[in-house]
Amino acid sequence: MGDEPLTPAGRLFLQPEMNQIIHCVLGLKNPIDIDSVKSQISDSVMLKHPRFTSLMVRDHRGVEHWRPTQIHIDNHLTVIHDPLSDHSSAINDYLADLCTATISMDKPLWEIHILMAHKCVIFRIHHSLGDGISLMSMLLAGCRKVQDPHALPVISNPHSVKRTNFSFKDLLLTICFSCIYAIQFIVKCLWIRDCKSPITGGAGVELWPRKMATASFSLEDMKTVKAVVPNATVNDVLFAIISSGISRYLDLREPSGLRDGIQLTGLAMVNLRKQSGLQDLPNLMRSNSVARWGNKFGVILLPIYYHRSSNSDPLEYLKRAKKMIDRKKQSLEAHFSYRIGDLIMSTFGPKSASFLNYRIICNTSFTISNVVGPQEEIMIGDNPITFLRANNSALPHALILNMVSYAGRADMQVQVAKDIIPDPEFLAKCFEDALLELKDRVTAKI
């Protein structure tokens, strides 16, 4: 088998400004057996995929290719036997350090870090190998249900709904919203920057030291909240939590310095595969599949507005979030961002695409992603998984939010540039309190 060229998106994520690594974090119930881990890796579907058994090489023109190589599992394992520290943030402190660390190019671009004392496994996988949906689908293909050890986790989204009626009015709204959001996207990319706030990052911030905290939510509480607004979704509730939580945090950091109603813009990743949610792995790995392995996502802008907590109704955050996200769903903004990125990559090369991606990150305030994980308890190698989290490498944003739901809970990793946001634990609590306040407001109305 000869060399295989990287996809345009894969080349983008190898550029210095966009060099991204995905971290998938598994907490385990029982102590970890290293020999068992090595055996599971050797037999895993991961090593049956050519991208995980290939080096990234450049030809004489500097164009990147995948070159098949022999895998030596010990070269990909980092095992830490002693406790990192005595406090509960030890795993997050370790992850924060990994956020500014690279992966060696002299081996296939993945690593596994095992924290023995903390019963934790961290998969580090370069973004050029695939997006979060691809990688999470591959990881879960090696897991089984705790209640049925022979059954794979359910990795499709049972709540996916296809619209059957599409009126002329819907068409006009789609065209209208798509044009508006496409123009806003271009303007935000090239010219307009968010107003400066205590959470603002900027060029070079991706190199700054990081801190991390975890905000944990009950999915039952989120479902209780969404039931009060017709047709609301968990994503609407999540974005309401983020809007309210950031306003709470800014109340503390800038009690009199921010104008009420100021806009802060988030960048959200949107899966563009026809099947929503996690994907069936055999379907992903087929070369002619419409689902397609790799990086298949668009980017949308999600604005939030700062409002002083003392003057705002918690449910207004949810109503505003639903209205805005419904319009985004009706538009083709995510497809536009994907297509324009692909066109720039194909026409001008990865350096130009990287420059524009870097600009839009510098001109916005935070990143958010949300992956729906399995809702039943699962195990890997007969060891039950207690929590499932994810985050990615540092970006010019000072605030990066990555949420994964699992077994009735949703954990959101709150990654910050610690010289800009020194107290991520308090920010995480602001998000948790925002959900509790929403729930209290909802139950008081019932």
Protein backbone atom coordinates (compact mmCIF):
# COMPACT_ATOMS: atom_id res chain seq x y z
CA MET A 1 0.00 0.00 0.00
CA GLY A 2 1.43 3.37 -1.02
CA ASP A 3 1.22 6.84 0.47
CA GLU A 4 -2.22 8.45 0.77
CA PRO A 5 -2.63 12.26 0.61
CA LEU A 6 -4.17 13.99 3.61
CA THR A 7 -7.61 15.48 3.23
CA PRO A 8 -7.80 19.29 3.06
CA ALA A 9 -9.17 19.41 6.63
CA GLY A 10 -6.38 17.12 7.81
CA ARG A 11 -3.78 19.47 6.33
CA LEU A 12 -5.49 22.43 8.01
CA PHE A 13 -5.11 20.87 11.46
CA LEU A 14 -1.38 20.39 10.92
CA GLN A 15 -0.77 24.10 10.44
CA PRO A 16 1.07 25.72 13.41
CA GLU A 17 -1.84 28.08 14.17
CA MET A 18 -4.45 25.29 14.09
CA ASN A 19 -2.47 22.33 15.42
CA GLN A 20 -5.24 20.54 17.31
CA ILE A 21 -5.29 17.39 19.46
CA ILE A 22 -8.48 15.84 20.85
CA HIS A 23 -8.42 14.42 24.37
CA CYS A 24 -10.98 11.78 25.33
CA VAL A 25 -10.94 11.03 29.05
CA LEU A 26 -12.30 7.82 30.59
CA GLY A 27 -12.69 7.33 34.33
CA LEU A 28 -12.73 3.65 35.28
CA LYS A 29 -14.26 1.86 38.25
CA ASN A 30 -11.57 -0.78 38.78
CA PRO A 31 -7.74 -0.66 38.80
CA ILE A 32 -6.12 -0.70 35.37
CA ASP A 33 -4.20 -3.72 34.09
CA ILE A 34 -1.48 -2.49 31.69
CA ASP A 35 -1.06 -5.85 29.95
CA SER A 36 -4.81 -5.99 29.37
CA VAL A 37 -4.73 -2.45 27.94
CA LYS A 38 -1.97 -3.39 25.48
CA SER A 39 -3.88 -6.49 24.40
CA GLN A 40 -7.08 -4.48 23.86
CA ILE A 41 -5.22 -1.90 21.78
CA SER A 42 -3.62 -4.63 19.63
CA ASP A 43 -7.03 -6.17 18.91
CA SER A 44 -8.94 -2.89 18.59
CA VAL A 45 -10.68 -1.54 15.51
CA MET A 46 -8.45 1.53 15.89
CA LEU A 47 -5.42 -0.37 14.59
CA LYS A 48 -7.47 -1.66 11.66
CA HIS A 49 -7.88 1.91 10.39
CA PRO A 50 -4.98 2.96 8.12
CA ARG A 51 -4.74 6.48 9.56
CA PHE A 52 -3.86 5.07 12.99
CA THR A 53 -1.10 2.89 11.56
CA SER A 54 0.52 5.53 9.32
CA LEU A 55 3.16 8.20 9.70
CA MET A 56 2.53 11.72 8.52
CA VAL A 57 5.26 12.51 5.96
CA ARG A 58 5.88 15.37 3.53
CA ASP A 59 7.02 14.96 -0.06
CA HIS A 60 9.55 17.18 -1.88
CA ARG A 61 6.84 19.83 -2.42
CA GLY A 62 5.92 19.89 1.27
CA VAL A 63 2.58 18.15 0.70
CA GLU A 64 1.52 15.87 3.56
CA HIS A 65 0.81 12.15 3.08
CA TRP A 66 -0.03 9.13 5.24
CA ARG A 67 2.62 6.39 4.99
CA PRO A 68 1.88 2.91 6.47
CA THR A 69 4.26 1.87 9.22
CA GLN A 70 4.72 -0.77 11.91
CA ILE A 71 3.01 0.00 15.22
CA HIS A 72 4.95 -0.36 18.49
CA ILE A 73 2.35 0.09 21.20
CA ASP A 74 4.88 0.97 23.92
CA ASN A 75 5.84 4.06 21.90
CA HIS A 76 2.26 5.31 22.24
CA LEU A 77 1.76 4.61 25.95
CA THR A 78 2.61 6.91 28.84
CA VAL A 79 1.98 5.24 32.21
CA ILE A 80 2.06 7.28 35.42
CA HIS A 81 1.93 5.09 38.53
CA ASP A 82 2.11 7.62 41.37
CA PRO A 83 -0.75 9.97 42.30
CA LEU A 84 -0.44 13.34 40.58
CA SER A 85 -1.64 15.12 43.73
CA ASP A 86 -4.01 14.65 46.62
CA HIS A 87 -6.69 17.05 45.46
CA SER A 88 -9.71 16.31 43.26
CA SER A 89 -8.48 18.48 40.38
CA ALA A 90 -5.43 16.29 39.68
CA ILE A 91 -6.79 14.86 36.40
CA ASN A 92 -7.87 18.27 35.15
CA ASP A 93 -4.46 19.75 36.07
CA TYR A 94 -2.80 17.02 34.00
CA LEU A 95 -5.17 17.66 31.09
CA ALA A 96 -4.49 21.39 31.27
CA ASP A 97 -0.78 20.72 30.75
CA LEU A 98 -1.56 18.44 27.79
CA CYS A 99 -3.55 21.25 26.14
CA THR A 100 -0.34 23.04 25.18
CA ALA A 101 1.71 19.89 24.43
CA THR A 102 2.23 18.48 20.94
CA ILE A 103 2.45 14.90 19.62
CA SER A 104 5.71 13.63 18.17
CA MET A 105 5.64 13.30 14.37
CA ASP A 106 7.98 10.30 14.37
CA LYS A 107 5.07 7.92 15.07
CA PRO A 108 1.36 7.73 14.13
CA LEU A 109 -0.41 10.72 15.65
CA TRP A 110 -2.04 9.23 18.72
CA GLU A 111 -1.10 8.53 22.33
CA ILE A 112 -2.67 6.93 25.40
CA HIS A 113 -1.87 8.29 28.86
CA ILE A 114 -2.76 6.07 31.81
CA LEU A 115 -3.01 7.57 35.30
CA MET A 116 -2.89 4.41 37.38
CA ALA A 117 -3.57 5.92 40.81
CA HIS A 118 -6.54 7.87 39.46
CA LYS A 119 -7.95 4.96 37.38
CA CYS A 120 -8.07 7.23 34.34
CA VAL A 121 -7.21 6.72 30.66
CA ILE A 122 -6.64 9.67 28.32
CA PHE A 123 -6.72 9.14 24.54
CA ARG A 124 -4.78 11.87 22.71
CA ILE A 125 -5.62 11.82 19.00
CA HIS A 126 -4.54 14.42 16.48
CA HIS A 127 -7.44 16.25 14.82
CA SER A 128 -6.00 15.45 11.37
CA LEU A 129 -7.04 11.83 12.00
CA GLY A 130 -10.70 12.75 12.36
CA ASP A 131 -13.24 14.89 14.19
CA GLY A 132 -14.78 14.27 17.60
CA ILE A 133 -17.74 12.36 16.15
CA SER A 134 -15.47 9.95 14.22
CA LEU A 135 -13.14 9.39 17.16
CA MET A 136 -15.87 8.94 19.77
CA SER A 137 -17.64 6.47 17.47
CA MET A 138 -14.40 4.50 17.14
CA LEU A 139 -13.79 4.53 20.89
CA LEU A 140 -17.30 3.28 21.69
CA ALA A 141 -16.97 0.49 19.13
CA GLY A 142 -14.48 -1.07 21.57
CA CYS A 143 -16.90 -0.81 24.51
CA ARG A 144 -19.81 -2.96 25.69
CA LYS A 145 -22.91 -2.33 27.80
CA VAL A 146 -22.53 -3.08 31.50
CA GLN A 147 -26.01 -4.65 31.62
CA ASP A 148 -25.41 -6.69 28.46
CA PRO A 149 -21.67 -7.46 28.08
CA HIS A 150 -22.12 -8.77 24.53
CA ALA A 151 -23.95 -5.69 23.22
CA LEU A 152 -22.37 -2.60 21.70
CA PRO A 153 -23.36 0.82 23.07
CA VAL A 154 -26.18 2.55 21.21
CA ILE A 155 -24.31 5.16 19.20
CA SER A 156 -27.07 6.54 17.02
CA ASN A 157 -29.29 9.42 18.11
CA PRO A 158 -32.80 8.07 18.82
CA HIS A 159 -34.24 11.58 18.94
CA SER A 160 -33.25 12.52 15.41
CA VAL A 161 -36.28 13.93 13.62
CA LYS A 162 -36.54 14.53 9.91
CA ARG A 163 -38.81 17.24 8.63
CA THR A 164 -41.33 15.97 6.14
CA ASN A 165 -43.16 19.20 5.29
CA PHE A 166 -41.13 22.03 3.81
CA SER A 167 -43.27 24.94 2.66
CA PHE A 168 -42.47 27.87 0.39
CA LYS A 169 -42.31 30.05 3.51
CA ASP A 170 -39.70 27.70 4.99
CA LEU A 171 -37.68 28.01 1.78
CA LEU A 172 -37.77 31.80 1.93
CA LEU A 173 -36.73 31.77 5.60
CA THR A 174 -33.88 29.38 4.85
CA ILE A 175 -32.61 31.63 2.06
CA CYS A 176 -33.02 34.74 4.21
CA PHE A 177 -31.31 33.34 7.32
CA SER A 178 -28.55 31.72 5.24
CA CYS A 179 -27.71 35.01 3.51
CA ILE A 180 -27.74 36.98 6.76
CA TYR A 181 -25.59 34.49 8.65
CA ALA A 182 -23.17 34.01 5.72
CA ILE A 183 -22.57 37.78 5.62
CA GLN A 184 -22.16 37.90 9.40
CA PHE A 185 -19.70 35.01 9.20
CA ILE A 186 -17.56 36.75 6.56
CA VAL A 187 -17.65 40.08 8.40
CA LYS A 188 -16.70 38.43 11.70
CA CYS A 189 -13.89 36.56 9.98
CA LEU A 190 -12.39 39.60 8.24
CA TRP A 191 -13.23 42.73 10.23
CA ILE A 192 -15.48 42.84 13.27
CA ARG A 193 -14.16 41.69 16.63
CA ASP A 194 -16.11 41.12 19.85
CA CYS A 195 -15.85 43.89 22.44
CA LYS A 196 -13.14 43.27 24.99
CA SER A 197 -14.30 41.53 28.18
CA PRO A 198 -12.71 39.59 31.06
CA ILE A 199 -12.98 36.37 28.99
CA THR A 200 -11.45 37.76 25.76
CA GLY A 201 -8.47 35.94 24.27
CA GLY A 202 -6.57 36.83 21.11
CA ALA A 203 -3.55 36.10 18.93
CA GLY A 204 -0.92 34.08 20.78
CA VAL A 205 -3.23 33.04 23.65
CA GLU A 206 -3.12 29.44 22.42
CA LEU A 207 0.45 29.31 23.80
CA TRP A 208 -0.50 30.55 27.27
CA PRO A 209 -0.68 28.16 30.26
CA ARG A 210 -4.06 26.55 30.82
CA LYS A 211 -6.31 25.59 33.71
CA MET A 212 -9.33 23.30 33.62
CA ALA A 213 -12.42 22.56 35.68
CA THR A 214 -15.49 20.37 35.17
CA ALA A 215 -19.11 21.52 35.32
CA SER A 216 -21.43 18.56 35.84
CA PHE A 217 -25.13 18.58 34.98
CA SER A 218 -28.04 16.20 35.45
CA LEU A 219 -29.69 15.38 32.12
CA GLU A 220 -32.97 14.90 33.99
CA ASP A 221 -32.74 18.49 35.24
CA MET A 222 -32.02 19.70 31.70
CA LYS A 223 -35.04 17.79 30.38
CA THR A 224 -37.22 19.26 33.14
CA VAL A 225 -36.16 22.75 32.08
CA LYS A 226 -36.64 22.22 28.36
CA ALA A 227 -40.18 20.91 28.89
CA VAL A 228 -41.38 24.38 29.90
CA VAL A 229 -40.65 25.84 26.44
CA PRO A 230 -42.43 24.05 23.56
CA ASN A 231 -40.09 22.09 21.26
CA ALA A 232 -36.98 23.15 23.19
CA THR A 233 -34.00 20.77 23.13
CA VAL A 234 -31.18 19.92 25.52
CA ASN A 235 -28.89 21.99 23.27
CA ASP A 236 -31.15 25.00 23.83
CA VAL A 237 -30.89 24.46 27.59
CA LEU A 238 -27.11 24.07 27.35
CA PHE A 239 -26.75 27.35 25.54
CA ALA A 240 -29.07 29.07 28.02
CA ILE A 241 -26.84 27.74 30.82
CA ILE A 242 -23.74 29.11 29.09
CA SER A 243 -25.38 32.52 28.51
CA SER A 244 -26.57 32.78 32.10
CA GLY A 245 -23.35 31.34 33.57
CA ILE A 246 -21.10 33.77 31.71
CA SER A 247 -23.30 36.70 32.78
CA ARG A 248 -23.03 35.50 36.39
CA TYR A 249 -19.26 35.28 36.09
CA LEU A 250 -18.92 38.72 34.50
CA ASP A 251 -21.04 40.20 37.29
CA LEU A 252 -18.22 39.25 39.64
CA ARG A 253 -15.28 40.15 37.42
CA GLU A 254 -16.70 43.44 36.07
CA PRO A 255 -19.50 44.50 38.43
CA SER A 256 -19.79 47.97 36.89
CA GLY A 257 -17.54 47.94 33.85
CA LEU A 258 -19.62 46.14 31.17
CA ARG A 259 -22.57 47.61 29.32
CA ASP A 260 -25.76 45.59 29.76
CA GLY A 261 -26.63 43.74 26.54
CA ILE A 262 -23.05 43.53 25.20
CA GLN A 263 -22.61 40.70 22.66
CA LEU A 264 -20.05 37.91 23.08
CA THR A 265 -19.81 35.40 20.23
CA GLY A 266 -19.24 31.68 20.52
CA LEU A 267 -18.01 29.31 17.82
CA ALA A 268 -19.90 26.01 17.74
CA MET A 269 -18.99 22.86 15.80
CA VAL A 270 -21.86 21.22 13.85
CA ASN A 271 -21.78 17.64 12.56
CA LEU A 272 -22.72 17.66 8.85
CA ARG A 273 -23.21 13.93 8.37
CA LYS A 274 -26.73 12.85 7.41
CA GLN A 275 -26.99 10.69 10.53
CA SER A 276 -27.01 12.99 13.53
CA GLY A 277 -25.08 12.15 16.69
CA LEU A 278 -22.52 9.38 16.90
CA GLN A 279 -21.99 7.21 13.84
CA ASP A 280 -22.03 3.48 13.12
CA LEU A 281 -18.35 2.64 12.76
CA PRO A 282 -18.62 0.22 9.80
CA ASN A 283 -20.54 2.92 7.94
CA LEU A 284 -17.86 5.51 8.77
CA MET A 285 -15.00 3.32 7.56
CA ARG A 286 -16.49 2.44 4.16
CA SER A 287 -14.73 4.44 1.47
CA ASN A 288 -17.98 5.16 -0.40
CA SER A 289 -20.02 6.02 2.69
CA VAL A 290 -21.97 9.28 2.81
CA ALA A 291 -21.19 9.40 6.56
CA ARG A 292 -17.46 9.40 5.83
CA TRP A 293 -14.61 9.12 8.29
CA GLY A 294 -12.54 12.22 8.98
CA ASN A 295 -13.45 15.85 9.61
CA LYS A 296 -16.99 16.53 8.46
CA PHE A 297 -18.23 19.52 10.42
CA GLY A 298 -19.15 23.14 9.91
CA VAL A 299 -18.88 26.14 12.21
CA ILE A 300 -21.65 28.49 13.27
CA LEU A 301 -21.60 31.72 15.27
CA LEU A 302 -23.69 31.66 18.45
CA PRO A 303 -23.96 35.11 20.06
CA ILE A 304 -24.80 35.53 23.73
CA TYR A 305 -25.65 38.78 25.49
CA TYR A 306 -24.45 39.87 28.89
CA HIS A 307 -27.25 40.79 31.28
CA ARG A 308 -26.86 41.61 34.94
CA SER A 309 -28.09 38.62 36.90
CA SER A 310 -30.10 40.74 39.31
CA ASN A 311 -32.17 42.18 36.46
CA SER A 312 -32.84 39.09 34.34
CA ASP A 313 -35.38 36.27 34.34
CA PRO A 314 -33.57 32.89 34.00
CA LEU A 315 -36.18 31.62 31.53
CA GLU A 316 -35.45 34.53 29.19
CA TYR A 317 -32.04 32.99 28.55
CA LEU A 318 -33.73 29.77 27.40
CA LYS A 319 -36.28 31.57 25.21
CA ARG A 320 -33.57 33.65 23.54
CA ALA A 321 -31.36 30.58 23.06
CA LYS A 322 -34.16 28.56 21.45
CA LYS A 323 -35.17 31.38 19.11
CA MET A 324 -31.61 31.96 17.94
CA ILE A 325 -30.68 28.27 17.58
CA ASP A 326 -33.92 27.52 15.67
CA ARG A 327 -32.93 30.17 13.14
CA LYS A 328 -29.43 28.74 12.89
CA LYS A 329 -30.86 25.27 12.25
CA GLN A 330 -33.08 26.64 9.49
CA SER A 331 -30.11 28.29 7.80
CA LEU A 332 -27.24 26.73 5.84
CA GLU A 333 -24.57 28.55 7.85
CA ALA A 334 -22.75 25.37 8.90
CA HIS A 335 -22.70 24.07 5.31
CA PHE A 336 -21.55 27.49 4.07
CA SER A 337 -18.62 27.58 6.51
CA TYR A 338 -17.61 24.03 5.52
CA ARG A 339 -17.83 24.73 1.78
CA ILE A 340 -16.03 28.08 1.95
CA GLY A 341 -13.27 26.48 4.01
CA ASP A 342 -12.97 23.62 1.53
CA LEU A 343 -12.85 26.08 -1.39
CA ILE A 344 -10.11 28.18 0.21
CA MET A 345 -8.11 25.04 1.06
CA SER A 346 -8.39 23.74 -2.50
CA THR A 347 -7.69 27.09 -4.15
CA PHE A 348 -5.17 28.83 -1.93
CA GLY A 349 -3.83 26.05 0.26
CA PRO A 350 -3.82 25.27 4.00
CA LYS A 351 -1.87 28.38 5.04
CA SER A 352 -4.61 30.69 3.77
CA ALA A 353 -7.37 28.56 5.31
CA SER A 354 -5.47 28.43 8.60
CA PHE A 355 -5.07 32.22 8.59
CA LEU A 356 -8.82 32.77 8.15
CA ASN A 357 -9.71 30.17 10.80
CA TYR A 358 -7.27 31.81 13.17
CA ARG A 359 -8.79 35.24 12.46
CA ILE A 360 -12.35 34.18 13.23
CA ILE A 361 -11.23 32.57 16.50
CA CYS A 362 -9.37 35.75 17.48
CA ASN A 363 -12.46 37.83 16.63
CA THR A 364 -14.85 35.75 18.79
CA SER A 365 -14.94 35.02 22.52
CA PHE A 366 -15.26 31.28 23.16
CA THR A 367 -15.58 27.81 21.61
CA ILE A 368 -18.32 25.30 22.40
CA SER A 369 -18.89 21.71 21.34
CA ASN A 370 -21.36 19.07 22.49
CA VAL A 371 -21.21 15.33 21.79
CA VAL A 372 -24.11 13.07 22.79
CA GLY A 373 -22.62 9.94 24.34
CA PRO A 374 -24.27 6.64 25.33
CA GLN A 375 -27.05 6.96 27.87
CA GLU A 376 -26.49 3.53 29.41
CA GLU A 377 -23.46 2.56 31.48
CA ILE A 378 -20.72 0.98 29.39
CA MET A 379 -17.40 -0.75 30.03
CA ILE A 380 -14.12 -1.12 28.23
CA GLY A 381 -12.28 -4.41 28.67
CA ASP A 382 -14.71 -5.51 31.44
CA ASN A 383 -13.91 -2.33 33.41
CA PRO A 384 -16.98 -0.07 33.86
CA ILE A 385 -16.59 3.55 32.81
CA THR A 386 -17.52 6.03 35.56
CA PHE A 387 -17.22 9.23 33.51
CA LEU A 388 -16.62 10.25 29.93
CA ARG A 389 -15.19 13.67 29.06
CA ALA A 390 -13.48 15.40 26.16
CA ASN A 391 -11.51 18.53 25.38
CA ASN A 392 -9.11 19.77 22.73
CA SER A 393 -5.83 21.64 22.51
CA ALA A 394 -5.56 25.30 23.38
CA LEU A 395 -6.88 27.88 20.90
CA PRO A 396 -6.57 31.69 20.81
CA HIS A 397 -9.80 31.67 22.83
CA ALA A 398 -9.32 32.11 26.58
CA LEU A 399 -12.47 29.99 27.14
CA ILE A 400 -13.17 26.59 25.53
CA LEU A 401 -16.21 24.51 26.53
CA ASN A 402 -16.53 20.82 25.56
CA MET A 403 -19.52 18.81 26.77
CA VAL A 404 -20.14 15.05 26.59
CA SER A 405 -23.23 13.34 28.00
CA TYR A 406 -23.02 9.87 29.49
CA ALA A 407 -25.36 7.69 31.59
CA GLY A 408 -27.71 10.43 32.73
CA ARG A 409 -25.13 13.14 33.31
CA ALA A 410 -23.32 15.68 31.16
CA ASP A 411 -19.79 16.84 31.99
CA MET A 412 -18.56 20.09 30.48
CA GLN A 413 -14.81 20.68 30.48
CA VAL A 414 -14.13 24.37 31.15
CA GLN A 415 -10.68 25.09 29.69
CA VAL A 416 -9.26 28.58 30.23
CA ALA A 417 -6.10 30.60 29.72
CA LYS A 418 -5.29 30.98 33.41
CA ASP A 419 -3.70 34.43 33.08
CA ILE A 420 -7.04 35.73 31.71
CA ILE A 421 -9.54 33.56 33.62
CA PRO A 422 -7.73 32.53 36.83
CA ASP A 423 -10.72 30.83 38.48
CA PRO A 424 -12.27 28.19 36.17
CA GLU A 425 -13.70 26.34 39.20
CA PHE A 426 -15.86 29.36 40.00
CA LEU A 427 -16.88 29.71 36.35
CA ALA A 428 -17.86 26.01 36.29
CA LYS A 429 -19.97 26.60 39.42
CA CYS A 430 -21.64 29.57 37.68
CA PHE A 431 -22.76 27.18 34.92
CA GLU A 432 -24.00 24.59 37.43
CA ASP A 433 -25.88 27.26 39.41
CA ALA A 434 -27.44 28.56 36.19
CA LEU A 435 -29.07 25.18 35.57
CA LEU A 436 -30.27 24.91 39.18
CA GLU A 437 -31.78 28.40 38.98
CA LEU A 438 -33.54 27.50 35.73
CA LYS A 439 -34.87 24.31 37.30
CA ASP A 440 -36.10 26.19 40.41
CA ARG A 441 -37.81 28.75 38.19
CA VAL A 442 -39.49 26.01 36.15
CA THR A 443 -40.68 23.97 39.13
CA ALA A 444 -42.05 27.13 40.76
CA LYS A 445 -44.25 27.68 37.69
CA ILE A 446 -45.67 24.17 37.71
